[in-house]
Amino acid sequence: MMLVNYIASVILVVLGLYTIITKKNLIKIVLGMGIVDYGINLFIVSTGYNDGGTAPIYNMTELVSGAYFVDPVPQALTLTSIVIGACVDAMALSLVIKLYRQYKTVDASEIRRLRG
């Protein structure tokens, strides 16, 4: 079961990188950045999962030897990453809007100042 999560996270990261590298539309590039972020978040959550584990909320009377708990640190890091990713996507889309107002296009190859 966990192998499916790892394969899906690799597919999402590769698909996002492919979108970022090959597309010229700035909105598609921003969407590719979001897809890479989702793939990385899936990988981080999958690493913290223990098969048969429970939430790490317990009393001292409930704690028994050999109990498996799910690691909460990757979940907290993923929550932080989701918030940061949403802010980065919003900022990137606002920059795309400003570029569209200035140049009347979202094609990166047609924008004069973005040429190398």
PDB file of N, CA and C in Angstrom:
ATOM      1  N   MET A   1       0.814  -1.195   0.000  1.00  0.00           N
ATOM      2  CA  MET A   1       0.000   0.000   0.000  1.00  0.00           C
ATOM      3  C   MET A   1       0.859   1.262   0.000  1.00  0.00           C
ATOM      4  N   MET A   2       1.912   1.251   0.788  1.00  0.00           N
ATOM      5  CA  MET A   2       2.761   2.440   0.858  1.00  0.00           C
ATOM      6  C   MET A   2       3.540   2.643  -0.435  1.00  0.00           C
ATOM      7  N   LEU A   3       3.793   1.571  -1.164  1.00  0.00           N
ATOM      8  CA  LEU A   3       4.502   1.697  -2.426  1.00  0.00           C
ATOM      9  C   LEU A   3       3.704   2.548  -3.410  1.00  0.00           C
ATOM     10  N   VAL A   4       2.397   2.446  -3.356  1.00  0.00           N
ATOM     11  CA  VAL A   4       1.533   3.249  -4.227  1.00  0.00           C
ATOM     12  C   VAL A   4       1.704   4.736  -3.921  1.00  0.00           C
ATOM     13  N   ASN A   5       1.805   5.083  -2.640  1.00  0.00           N
ATOM     14  CA  ASN A   5       2.005   6.486  -2.274  1.00  0.00           C
ATOM     15  C   ASN A   5       3.341   7.010  -2.776  1.00  0.00           C
ATOM     16  N   TYR A   6       4.382   6.204  -2.648  1.00  0.00           N
ATOM     17  CA  TYR A   6       5.699   6.642  -3.117  1.00  0.00           C
ATOM     18  C   TYR A   6       5.726   6.789  -4.633  1.00  0.00           C
ATOM     19  N   ILE A   7       5.116   5.856  -5.327  1.00  0.00           N
ATOM     20  CA  ILE A   7       5.059   5.953  -6.794  1.00  0.00           C
ATOM     21  C   ILE A   7       4.251   7.175  -7.211  1.00  0.00           C
ATOM     22  N   ALA A   8       3.123   7.416  -6.535  1.00  0.00           N
ATOM     23  CA  ALA A   8       2.291   8.580  -6.867  1.00  0.00           C
ATOM     24  C   ALA A   8       3.033   9.881  -6.592  1.00  0.00           C
ATOM     25  N   SER A   9       3.813   9.930  -5.510  1.00  0.00           N
ATOM     26  CA  SER A   9       4.549  11.160  -5.219  1.00  0.00           C
ATOM     27  C   SER A   9       5.632  11.411  -6.265  1.00  0.00           C
ATOM     28  N   VAL A  10       6.302  10.356  -6.717  1.00  0.00           N
ATOM     29  CA  VAL A  10       7.316  10.522  -7.769  1.00  0.00           C
ATOM     30  C   VAL A  10       6.660  10.964  -9.070  1.00  0.00           C
ATOM     31  N   ILE A  11       5.511  10.374  -9.400  1.00  0.00           N
ATOM     32  CA  ILE A  11       4.804  10.770 -10.623  1.00  0.00           C
ATOM     33  C   ILE A  11       4.378  12.233 -10.553  1.00  0.00           C
ATOM     34  N   LEU A  12       3.875  12.679  -9.409  1.00  0.00           N
ATOM     35  CA  LEU A  12       3.471  14.082  -9.273  1.00  0.00           C
ATOM     36  C   LEU A  12       4.655  15.033  -9.418  1.00  0.00           C
ATOM     37  N   VAL A  13       5.778  14.685  -8.795  1.00  0.00           N
ATOM     38  CA  VAL A  13       6.959  15.559  -8.887  1.00  0.00           C
ATOM     39  C   VAL A  13       7.464  15.610 -10.326  1.00  0.00           C
ATOM     40  N   VAL A  14       7.541  14.464 -10.993  1.00  0.00           N
ATOM     41  CA  VAL A  14       8.020  14.441 -12.379  1.00  0.00           C
ATOM     42  C   VAL A  14       7.060  15.186 -13.296  1.00  0.00           C
ATOM     43  N   LEU A  15       5.762  15.003 -13.102  1.00  0.00           N
ATOM     44  CA  LEU A  15       4.776  15.708 -13.921  1.00  0.00           C
ATOM     45  C   LEU A  15       4.863  17.221 -13.717  1.00  0.00           C
ATOM     46  N   GLY A  16       5.039  17.639 -12.476  1.00  0.00           N
ATOM     47  CA  GLY A  16       5.181  19.068 -12.201  1.00  0.00           C
ATOM     48  C   GLY A  16       6.448  19.652 -12.809  1.00  0.00           C
ATOM     49  N   LEU A  17       7.562  18.929 -12.683  1.00  0.00           N
ATOM     50  CA  LEU A  17       8.812  19.408 -13.281  1.00  0.00           C
ATOM     51  C   LEU A  17       8.719  19.451 -14.801  1.00  0.00           C
ATOM     52  N   TYR A  18       8.061  18.465 -15.393  1.00  0.00           N
ATOM     53  CA  TYR A  18       7.857  18.472 -16.847  1.00  0.00           C
ATOM     54  C   TYR A  18       7.054  19.701 -17.264  1.00  0.00           C
ATOM     55  N   THR A  19       6.027  20.022 -16.499  1.00  0.00           N
ATOM     56  CA  THR A  19       5.204  21.193 -16.807  1.00  0.00           C
ATOM     57  C   THR A  19       6.008  22.480 -16.678  1.00  0.00           C
ATOM     58  N   ILE A  20       6.812  22.572 -15.640  1.00  0.00           N
ATOM     59  CA  ILE A  20       7.614  23.779 -15.436  1.00  0.00           C
ATOM     60  C   ILE A  20       8.628  23.966 -16.563  1.00  0.00           C
ATOM     61  N   ILE A  21       9.255  22.887 -16.993  1.00  0.00           N
ATOM     62  CA  ILE A  21      10.328  22.982 -17.978  1.00  0.00           C
ATOM     63  C   ILE A  21       9.808  23.199 -19.393  1.00  0.00           C
ATOM     64  N   THR A  22       8.730  22.526 -19.771  1.00  0.00           N
ATOM     65  CA  THR A  22       8.323  22.532 -21.176  1.00  0.00           C
ATOM     66  C   THR A  22       7.295  23.596 -21.545  1.00  0.00           C
ATOM     67  N   LYS A  23       6.527  24.085 -20.620  1.00  0.00           N
ATOM     68  CA  LYS A  23       5.452  25.028 -20.959  1.00  0.00           C
ATOM     69  C   LYS A  23       5.949  26.463 -20.948  1.00  0.00           C
ATOM     70  N   LYS A  24       5.362  27.270 -21.819  1.00  0.00           N
ATOM     71  CA  LYS A  24       5.703  28.693 -21.900  1.00  0.00           C
ATOM     72  C   LYS A  24       4.652  29.577 -21.244  1.00  0.00           C
ATOM     73  N   ASN A  25       3.472  29.036 -20.995  1.00  0.00           N
ATOM     74  CA  ASN A  25       2.400  29.784 -20.354  1.00  0.00           C
ATOM     75  C   ASN A  25       2.722  29.915 -18.862  1.00  0.00           C
ATOM     76  N   LEU A  26       2.747  31.139 -18.359  1.00  0.00           N
ATOM     77  CA  LEU A  26       3.137  31.372 -16.973  1.00  0.00           C
ATOM     78  C   LEU A  26       2.157  30.766 -15.980  1.00  0.00           C
ATOM     79  N   ILE A  27       0.874  30.725 -16.307  1.00  0.00           N
ATOM     80  CA  ILE A  27      -0.102  30.117 -15.407  1.00  0.00           C
ATOM     81  C   ILE A  27       0.132  28.618 -15.305  1.00  0.00           C
ATOM     82  N   LYS A  28       0.463  27.977 -16.413  1.00  0.00           N
ATOM     83  CA  LYS A  28       0.772  26.541 -16.380  1.00  0.00           C
ATOM     84  C   LYS A  28       2.046  26.268 -15.588  1.00  0.00           C
ATOM     85  N   ILE A  29       2.987  27.165 -15.651  1.00  0.00           N
ATOM     86  CA  ILE A  29       4.218  27.011 -14.870  1.00  0.00           C
ATOM     87  C   ILE A  29       3.906  27.094 -13.373  1.00  0.00           C
ATOM     88  N   VAL A  30       3.047  28.024 -12.988  1.00  0.00           N
ATOM     89  CA  VAL A  30       2.660  28.140 -11.579  1.00  0.00           C
ATOM     90  C   VAL A  30       1.899  26.891 -11.134  1.00  0.00           C
ATOM     91  N   LEU A  31       1.025  26.361 -11.981  1.00  0.00           N
ATOM     92  CA  LEU A  31       0.325  25.118 -11.656  1.00  0.00           C
ATOM     93  C   LEU A  31       1.305  23.949 -11.517  1.00  0.00           C
ATOM     94  N   GLY A  32       2.338  23.916 -12.347  1.00  0.00           N
ATOM     95  CA  GLY A  32       3.368  22.888 -12.221  1.00  0.00           C
ATOM     96  C   GLY A  32       4.106  22.980 -10.899  1.00  0.00           C
ATOM     97  N   MET A  33       4.343  24.208 -10.428  1.00  0.00           N
ATOM     98  CA  MET A  33       4.973  24.379  -9.116  1.00  0.00           C
ATOM     99  C   MET A  33       4.084  23.813  -8.014  1.00  0.00           C
ATOM    100  N   GLY A  34       2.784  24.009  -8.139  1.00  0.00           N
ATOM    101  CA  GLY A  34       1.847  23.471  -7.157  1.00  0.00           C
ATOM    102  C   GLY A  34       1.821  21.946  -7.173  1.00  0.00           C
ATOM    103  N   ILE A  35       1.896  21.356  -8.364  1.00  0.00           N
ATOM    104  CA  ILE A  35       1.897  19.895  -8.473  1.00  0.00           C
ATOM    105  C   ILE A  35       3.148  19.304  -7.835  1.00  0.00           C
ATOM    106  N   VAL A  36       4.291  19.946  -8.029  1.00  0.00           N
ATOM    107  CA  VAL A  36       5.523  19.487  -7.370  1.00  0.00           C
ATOM    108  C   VAL A  36       5.356  19.562  -5.850  1.00  0.00           C
ATOM    109  N   ASP A  37       4.759  20.632  -5.379  1.00  0.00           N
ATOM    110  CA  ASP A  37       4.526  20.796  -3.940  1.00  0.00           C
ATOM    111  C   ASP A  37       3.629  19.687  -3.394  1.00  0.00           C
ATOM    112  N   TYR A  38       2.576  19.335  -4.130  1.00  0.00           N
ATOM    113  CA  TYR A  38       1.676  18.268  -3.686  1.00  0.00           C
ATOM    114  C   TYR A  38       2.394  16.920  -3.642  1.00  0.00           C
ATOM    115  N   GLY A  39       3.245  16.664  -4.620  1.00  0.00           N
ATOM    116  CA  GLY A  39       3.997  15.407  -4.629  1.00  0.00           C
ATOM    117  C   GLY A  39       4.948  15.303  -3.455  1.00  0.00           C
ATOM    118  N   ILE A  40       5.613  16.390  -3.124  1.00  0.00           N
ATOM    119  CA  ILE A  40       6.532  16.387  -1.987  1.00  0.00           C
ATOM    120  C   ILE A  40       5.765  16.224  -0.677  1.00  0.00           C
ATOM    121  N   ASN A  41       4.604  16.871  -0.564  1.00  0.00           N
ATOM    122  CA  ASN A  41       3.791  16.716   0.641  1.00  0.00           C
ATOM    123  C   ASN A  41       3.311  15.274   0.807  1.00  0.00           C
ATOM    124  N   LEU A  42       2.911  14.634  -0.280  1.00  0.00           N
ATOM    125  CA  LEU A  42       2.496  13.233  -0.213  1.00  0.00           C
ATOM    126  C   LEU A  42       3.644  12.346   0.243  1.00  0.00           C
ATOM    127  N   PHE A  43       4.846  12.620  -0.249  1.00  0.00           N
ATOM    128  CA  PHE A  43       6.011  11.829   0.163  1.00  0.00           C
ATOM    129  C   PHE A  43       6.310  12.016   1.654  1.00  0.00           C
ATOM    130  N   ILE A  44       6.241  13.243   2.137  1.00  0.00           N
ATOM    131  CA  ILE A  44       6.552  13.503   3.548  1.00  0.00           C
ATOM    132  C   ILE A  44       5.533  12.823   4.465  1.00  0.00           C
ATOM    133  N   VAL A  45       4.250  12.901   4.111  1.00  0.00           N
ATOM    134  CA  VAL A  45       3.234  12.253   4.939  1.00  0.00           C
ATOM    135  C   VAL A  45       3.398  10.734   4.897  1.00  0.00           C
ATOM    136  N   SER A  46       3.754  10.200   3.736  1.00  0.00           N
ATOM    137  CA  SER A  46       3.920   8.753   3.609  1.00  0.00           C
ATOM    138  C   SER A  46       5.093   8.225   4.423  1.00  0.00           C
ATOM    139  N   THR A  47       6.127   9.026   4.593  1.00  0.00           N
ATOM    140  CA  THR A  47       7.267   8.562   5.386  1.00  0.00           C
ATOM    141  C   THR A  47       6.939   8.464   6.868  1.00  0.00           C
ATOM    142  N   GLY A  48       5.979   9.241   7.353  1.00  0.00           N
ATOM    143  CA  GLY A  48       5.633   9.223   8.769  1.00  0.00           C
ATOM    144  C   GLY A  48       4.576   8.210   9.136  1.00  0.00           C
ATOM    145  N   TYR A  49       4.077   7.464   8.160  1.00  0.00           N
ATOM    146  CA  TYR A  49       2.992   6.514   8.421  1.00  0.00           C
ATOM    147  C   TYR A  49       3.560   5.182   8.905  1.00  0.00           C
ATOM    148  N   ASN A  50       2.941   4.615   9.925  1.00  0.00           N
ATOM    149  CA  ASN A  50       3.251   3.273  10.412  1.00  0.00           C
ATOM    150  C   ASN A  50       2.020   2.405  10.218  1.00  0.00           C
ATOM    151  N   ASP A  51       2.188   1.272   9.558  1.00  0.00           N
ATOM    152  CA  ASP A  51       1.062   0.371   9.322  1.00  0.00           C
ATOM    153  C   ASP A  51       0.564  -0.176  10.658  1.00  0.00           C
ATOM    154  N   GLY A  52      -0.694   0.031  10.939  1.00  0.00           N
ATOM    155  CA  GLY A  52      -1.272  -0.408  12.202  1.00  0.00           C
ATOM    156  C   GLY A  52      -1.053   0.578  13.329  1.00  0.00           C
ATOM    157  N   GLY A  53      -0.489   1.737  13.026  1.00  0.00           N
ATOM    158  CA  GLY A  53      -0.224   2.736  14.056  1.00  0.00           C
ATOM    159  C   GLY A  53      -1.472   3.517  14.428  1.00  0.00           C
ATOM    160  N   THR A  54      -1.441   4.093  15.601  1.00  0.00           N
ATOM    161  CA  THR A  54      -2.553   4.919  16.071  1.00  0.00           C
ATOM    162  C   THR A  54      -2.058   6.340  16.297  1.00  0.00           C
ATOM    163  N   ALA A  55      -2.979   7.213  16.591  1.00  0.00           N
ATOM    164  CA  ALA A  55      -2.620   8.599  16.881  1.00  0.00           C
ATOM    165  C   ALA A  55      -1.812   8.648  18.178  1.00  0.00           C
ATOM    166  N   PRO A  56      -0.817   9.522  18.249  1.00  0.00           N
ATOM    167  CA  PRO A  56       0.028   9.576  19.456  1.00  0.00           C
ATOM    168  C   PRO A  56      -0.625  10.342  20.605  1.00  0.00           C
ATOM    169  N   ILE A  57      -1.888  10.046  20.876  1.00  0.00           N
ATOM    170  CA  ILE A  57      -2.618  10.667  21.980  1.00  0.00           C
ATOM    171  C   ILE A  57      -2.985   9.532  22.934  1.00  0.00           C
ATOM    172  N   TYR A  58      -2.451   9.576  24.119  1.00  0.00           N
ATOM    173  CA  TYR A  58      -2.665   8.460  25.035  1.00  0.00           C
ATOM    174  C   TYR A  58      -2.506   8.925  26.473  1.00  0.00           C
ATOM    175  N   ASN A  59      -3.053   8.128  27.400  1.00  0.00           N
ATOM    176  CA  ASN A  59      -2.829   8.292  28.841  1.00  0.00           C
ATOM    177  C   ASN A  59      -1.711   7.349  29.249  1.00  0.00           C
ATOM    178  N   MET A  60      -1.187   7.530  30.403  1.00  0.00           N
ATOM    179  CA  MET A  60      -0.144   6.618  30.877  1.00  0.00           C
ATOM    180  C   MET A  60      -0.713   5.224  31.128  1.00  0.00           C
ATOM    181  N   THR A  61      -2.022   5.133  31.387  1.00  0.00           N
ATOM    182  CA  THR A  61      -2.623   3.818  31.592  1.00  0.00           C
ATOM    183  C   THR A  61      -2.822   3.080  30.273  1.00  0.00           C
ATOM    184  N   GLU A  62      -2.936   3.821  29.157  1.00  0.00           N
ATOM    185  CA  GLU A  62      -3.145   3.205  27.853  1.00  0.00           C
ATOM    186  C   GLU A  62      -1.844   2.791  27.187  1.00  0.00           C
ATOM    187  N   LEU A  63      -0.729   3.257  27.674  1.00  0.00           N
ATOM    188  CA  LEU A  63       0.558   2.976  27.052  1.00  0.00           C
ATOM    189  C   LEU A  63       0.981   1.548  27.379  1.00  0.00           C
ATOM    190  N   VAL A  64       1.125   0.747  26.346  1.00  0.00           N
ATOM    191  CA  VAL A  64       1.539  -0.644  26.527  1.00  0.00           C
ATOM    192  C   VAL A  64       2.796  -0.897  25.712  1.00  0.00           C
ATOM    193  N   SER A  65       3.497  -1.932  26.051  1.00  0.00           N
ATOM    194  CA  SER A  65       4.710  -2.283  25.331  1.00  0.00           C
ATOM    195  C   SER A  65       4.356  -2.776  23.921  1.00  0.00           C
ATOM    196  N   GLY A  66       5.094  -2.315  22.937  1.00  0.00           N
ATOM    197  CA  GLY A  66       4.878  -2.741  21.558  1.00  0.00           C
ATOM    198  C   GLY A  66       3.818  -1.956  20.821  1.00  0.00           C
ATOM    199  N   ALA A  67       3.352  -0.855  21.366  1.00  0.00           N
ATOM    200  CA  ALA A  67       2.343  -0.044  20.688  1.00  0.00           C
ATOM    201  C   ALA A  67       3.008   0.770  19.583  1.00  0.00           C
ATOM    202  N   TYR A  68       2.354   0.844  18.439  1.00  0.00           N
ATOM    203  CA  TYR A  68       2.871   1.603  17.306  1.00  0.00           C
ATOM    204  C   TYR A  68       2.099   2.907  17.181  1.00  0.00           C
ATOM    205  N   PHE A  69       2.848   3.973  17.041  1.00  0.00           N
ATOM    206  CA  PHE A  69       2.237   5.282  16.868  1.00  0.00           C
ATOM    207  C   PHE A  69       2.676   5.883  15.537  1.00  0.00           C
ATOM    208  N   VAL A  70       1.806   6.690  14.969  1.00  0.00           N
ATOM    209  CA  VAL A  70       2.144   7.427  13.762  1.00  0.00           C
ATOM    210  C   VAL A  70       2.952   8.646  14.173  1.00  0.00           C
ATOM    211  N   ASP A  71       4.041   8.905  13.440  1.00  0.00           N
ATOM    212  CA  ASP A  71       4.912  10.028  13.765  1.00  0.00           C
ATOM    213  C   ASP A  71       4.211  11.346  13.422  1.00  0.00           C
ATOM    214  N   PRO A  72       3.992  12.255  14.378  1.00  0.00           N
ATOM    215  CA  PRO A  72       3.271  13.495  14.091  1.00  0.00           C
ATOM    216  C   PRO A  72       4.141  14.583  13.462  1.00  0.00           C
ATOM    217  N   VAL A  73       5.454  14.437  13.502  1.00  0.00           N
ATOM    218  CA  VAL A  73       6.335  15.490  12.978  1.00  0.00           C
ATOM    219  C   VAL A  73       6.173  15.673  11.459  1.00  0.00           C
ATOM    220  N   PRO A  74       6.167  14.611  10.639  1.00  0.00           N
ATOM    221  CA  PRO A  74       5.939  14.837   9.206  1.00  0.00           C
ATOM    222  C   PRO A  74       4.587  15.469   8.905  1.00  0.00           C
ATOM    223  N   GLN A  75       3.582  15.160   9.697  1.00  0.00           N
ATOM    224  CA  GLN A  75       2.275  15.777   9.477  1.00  0.00           C
ATOM    225  C   GLN A  75       2.313  17.275   9.773  1.00  0.00           C
ATOM    226  N   ALA A  76       3.030  17.652  10.820  1.00  0.00           N
ATOM    227  CA  ALA A  76       3.164  19.076  11.148  1.00  0.00           C
ATOM    228  C   ALA A  76       3.975  19.800  10.080  1.00  0.00           C
ATOM    229  N   LEU A  77       5.026  19.167   9.602  1.00  0.00           N
ATOM    230  CA  LEU A  77       5.832  19.780   8.536  1.00  0.00           C
ATOM    231  C   LEU A  77       5.028  19.924   7.251  1.00  0.00           C
ATOM    232  N   THR A  78       4.196  18.935   6.957  1.00  0.00           N
ATOM    233  CA  THR A  78       3.371  19.005   5.757  1.00  0.00           C
ATOM    234  C   THR A  78       2.333  20.106   5.871  1.00  0.00           C
ATOM    235  N   LEU A  79       1.749  20.273   7.032  1.00  0.00           N
ATOM    236  CA  LEU A  79       0.783  21.355   7.231  1.00  0.00           C
ATOM    237  C   LEU A  79       1.451  22.710   7.006  1.00  0.00           C
ATOM    238  N   THR A  80       2.651  22.868   7.523  1.00  0.00           N
ATOM    239  CA  THR A  80       3.408  24.098   7.301  1.00  0.00           C
ATOM    240  C   THR A  80       3.729  24.275   5.821  1.00  0.00           C
ATOM    241  N   SER A  81       4.102  23.185   5.160  1.00  0.00           N
ATOM    242  CA  SER A  81       4.423  23.242   3.743  1.00  0.00           C
ATOM    243  C   SER A  81       3.210  23.607   2.892  1.00  0.00           C
ATOM    244  N   ILE A  82       2.043  23.126   3.277  1.00  0.00           N
ATOM    245  CA  ILE A  82       0.825  23.471   2.535  1.00  0.00           C
ATOM    246  C   ILE A  82       0.543  24.966   2.624  1.00  0.00           C
ATOM    247  N   VAL A  83       0.700  25.536   3.800  1.00  0.00           N
ATOM    248  CA  VAL A  83       0.465  26.972   3.983  1.00  0.00           C
ATOM    249  C   VAL A  83       1.485  27.781   3.177  1.00  0.00           C
ATOM    250  N   ILE A  84       2.748  27.392   3.249  1.00  0.00           N
ATOM    251  CA  ILE A  84       3.783  28.113   2.504  1.00  0.00           C
ATOM    252  C   ILE A  84       3.559  27.965   0.998  1.00  0.00           C
ATOM    253  N   GLY A  85       3.187  26.757   0.554  1.00  0.00           N
ATOM    254  CA  GLY A  85       2.928  26.538  -0.871  1.00  0.00           C
ATOM    255  C   GLY A  85       1.767  27.373  -1.380  1.00  0.00           C
ATOM    256  N   ALA A  86       0.723  27.505  -0.576  1.00  0.00           N
ATOM    257  CA  ALA A  86      -0.412  28.332  -0.982  1.00  0.00           C
ATOM    258  C   ALA A  86      -0.004  29.799  -1.100  1.00  0.00           C
ATOM    259  N   CYS A  87       0.833  30.265  -0.184  1.00  0.00           N
ATOM    260  CA  CYS A  87       1.310  31.653  -0.250  1.00  0.00           C
ATOM    261  C   CYS A  87       2.207  31.874  -1.465  1.00  0.00           C
ATOM    262  N   VAL A  88       3.068  30.917  -1.759  1.00  0.00           N
ATOM    263  CA  VAL A  88       3.949  31.040  -2.933  1.00  0.00           C
ATOM    264  C   VAL A  88       3.120  31.036  -4.210  1.00  0.00           C
ATOM    265  N   ASP A  89       2.113  30.161  -4.298  1.00  0.00           N
ATOM    266  CA  ASP A  89       1.260  30.130  -5.481  1.00  0.00           C
ATOM    267  C   ASP A  89       0.494  31.440  -5.643  1.00  0.00           C
ATOM    268  N   ALA A  90      -0.013  31.987  -4.546  1.00  0.00           N
ATOM    269  CA  ALA A  90      -0.742  33.258  -4.625  1.00  0.00           C
ATOM    270  C   ALA A  90       0.180  34.389  -5.074  1.00  0.00           C
ATOM    271  N   MET A  91       1.396  34.405  -4.544  1.00  0.00           N
ATOM    272  CA  MET A  91       2.346  35.447  -4.943  1.00  0.00           C
ATOM    273  C   MET A  91       2.744  35.302  -6.416  1.00  0.00           C
ATOM    274  N   ALA A  92       2.976  34.073  -6.852  1.00  0.00           N
ATOM    275  CA  ALA A  92       3.344  33.845  -8.254  1.00  0.00           C
ATOM    276  C   ALA A  92       2.201  34.234  -9.185  1.00  0.00           C
ATOM    277  N   LEU A  93       0.973  33.907  -8.806  1.00  0.00           N
ATOM    278  CA  LEU A  93      -0.158  34.285  -9.655  1.00  0.00           C
ATOM    279  C   LEU A  93      -0.364  35.801  -9.672  1.00  0.00           C
ATOM    280  N   SER A  94      -0.073  36.472  -8.573  1.00  0.00           N
ATOM    281  CA  SER A  94      -0.176  37.935  -8.591  1.00  0.00           C
ATOM    282  C   SER A  94       0.890  38.547  -9.499  1.00  0.00           C
ATOM    283  N   LEU A  95       2.073  37.942  -9.523  1.00  0.00           N
ATOM    284  CA  LEU A  95       3.100  38.416 -10.454  1.00  0.00           C
ATOM    285  C   LEU A  95       2.702  38.158 -11.902  1.00  0.00           C
ATOM    286  N   VAL A  96       2.048  37.033 -12.172  1.00  0.00           N
ATOM    287  CA  VAL A  96       1.559  36.749 -13.520  1.00  0.00           C
ATOM    288  C   VAL A  96       0.511  37.788 -13.925  1.00  0.00           C
ATOM    289  N   ILE A  97      -0.358  38.163 -13.008  1.00  0.00           N
ATOM    290  CA  ILE A  97      -1.364  39.187 -13.304  1.00  0.00           C
ATOM    291  C   ILE A  97      -0.699  40.517 -13.634  1.00  0.00           C
ATOM    292  N   LYS A  98       0.332  40.890 -12.861  1.00  0.00           N
ATOM    293  CA  LYS A  98       1.051  42.145 -13.143  1.00  0.00           C
ATOM    294  C   LYS A  98       1.746  42.081 -14.508  1.00  0.00           C
ATOM    295  N   LEU A  99       2.345  40.935 -14.831  1.00  0.00           N
ATOM    296  CA  LEU A  99       2.981  40.788 -16.143  1.00  0.00           C
ATOM    297  C   LEU A  99       1.951  40.852 -17.265  1.00  0.00           C
ATOM    298  N   TYR A 100       0.786  40.271 -17.050  1.00  0.00           N
ATOM    299  CA  TYR A 100      -0.259  40.324 -18.071  1.00  0.00           C
ATOM    300  C   TYR A 100      -0.736  41.762 -18.286  1.00  0.00           C
ATOM    301  N   ARG A 101      -0.873  42.506 -17.210  1.00  0.00           N
ATOM    302  CA  ARG A 101      -1.295  43.904 -17.360  1.00  0.00           C
ATOM    303  C   ARG A 101      -0.247  44.734 -18.093  1.00  0.00           C
ATOM    304  N   GLN A 102       1.018  44.410 -17.873  1.00  0.00           N
ATOM    305  CA  GLN A 102       2.093  45.168 -18.506  1.00  0.00           C
ATOM    306  C   GLN A 102       2.284  44.789 -19.975  1.00  0.00           C
ATOM    307  N   TYR A 103       2.292  43.474 -20.271  1.00  0.00           N
ATOM    308  CA  TYR A 103       2.651  42.998 -21.608  1.00  0.00           C
ATOM    309  C   TYR A 103       1.485  42.433 -22.404  1.00  0.00           C
ATOM    310  N   LYS A 104       0.306  42.302 -21.800  1.00  0.00           N
ATOM    311  CA  LYS A 104      -0.892  41.770 -22.463  1.00  0.00           C
ATOM    312  C   LYS A 104      -0.710  40.340 -22.966  1.00  0.00           C
ATOM    313  N   THR A 105       0.140  39.556 -22.308  1.00  0.00           N
ATOM    314  CA  THR A 105       0.330  38.152 -22.643  1.00  0.00           C
ATOM    315  C   THR A 105       0.855  37.411 -21.417  1.00  0.00           C
ATOM    316  N   VAL A 106       0.612  36.105 -21.389  1.00  0.00           N
ATOM    317  CA  VAL A 106       1.170  35.272 -20.325  1.00  0.00           C
ATOM    318  C   VAL A 106       2.182  34.280 -20.894  1.00  0.00           C
ATOM    319  N   ASP A 107       2.552  34.464 -22.152  1.00  0.00           N
ATOM    320  CA  ASP A 107       3.552  33.616 -22.786  1.00  0.00           C
ATOM    321  C   ASP A 107       4.943  34.126 -22.420  1.00  0.00           C
ATOM    322  N   ALA A 108       5.733  33.283 -21.773  1.00  0.00           N
ATOM    323  CA  ALA A 108       7.043  33.708 -21.276  1.00  0.00           C
ATOM    324  C   ALA A 108       8.002  34.063 -22.404  1.00  0.00           C
ATOM    325  N   SER A 109       7.863  33.437 -23.561  1.00  0.00           N
ATOM    326  CA  SER A 109       8.781  33.734 -24.663  1.00  0.00           C
ATOM    327  C   SER A 109       8.471  35.070 -25.328  1.00  0.00           C
ATOM    328  N   GLU A 110       7.258  35.568 -25.161  1.00  0.00           N
ATOM    329  CA  GLU A 110       6.892  36.847 -25.773  1.00  0.00           C
ATOM    330  C   GLU A 110       7.148  38.040 -24.870  1.00  0.00           C
ATOM    331  N   ILE A 111       7.390  37.796 -23.615  1.00  0.00           N
ATOM    332  CA  ILE A 111       7.645  38.909 -22.699  1.00  0.00           C
ATOM    333  C   ILE A 111       9.099  39.322 -22.847  1.00  0.00           C
ATOM    334  N   ARG A 112       9.288  40.558 -23.213  1.00  0.00           N
ATOM    335  CA  ARG A 112      10.602  41.065 -23.584  1.00  0.00           C
ATOM    336  C   ARG A 112      11.626  40.957 -22.468  1.00  0.00           C
ATOM    337  N   ARG A 113      11.294  41.307 -21.263  1.00  0.00           N
ATOM    338  CA  ARG A 113      12.277  41.361 -20.177  1.00  0.00           C
ATOM    339  C   ARG A 113      12.618  39.982 -19.625  1.00  0.00           C
ATOM    340  N   LEU A 114      11.845  38.937 -19.920  1.00  0.00           N
ATOM    341  CA  LEU A 114      12.132  37.606 -19.404  1.00  0.00           C
ATOM    342  C   LEU A 114      13.023  36.798 -20.344  1.00  0.00           C
ATOM    343  N   ARG A 115      13.348  37.352 -21.504  1.00  0.00           N
ATOM    344  CA  ARG A 115      14.234  36.630 -22.433  1.00  0.00           C
ATOM    345  C   ARG A 115      15.650  36.650 -21.904  1.00  0.00           C
ATOM    346  N   GLY A 116      16.371  35.532 -22.132  1.00  0.00           N
ATOM    347  CA  GLY A 116      17.736  35.401 -21.619  1.00  0.00           C
ATOM    348  C   GLY A 116      18.801  35.920 -22.522  1.00  0.00           C
TER     349      GLY A 116
END
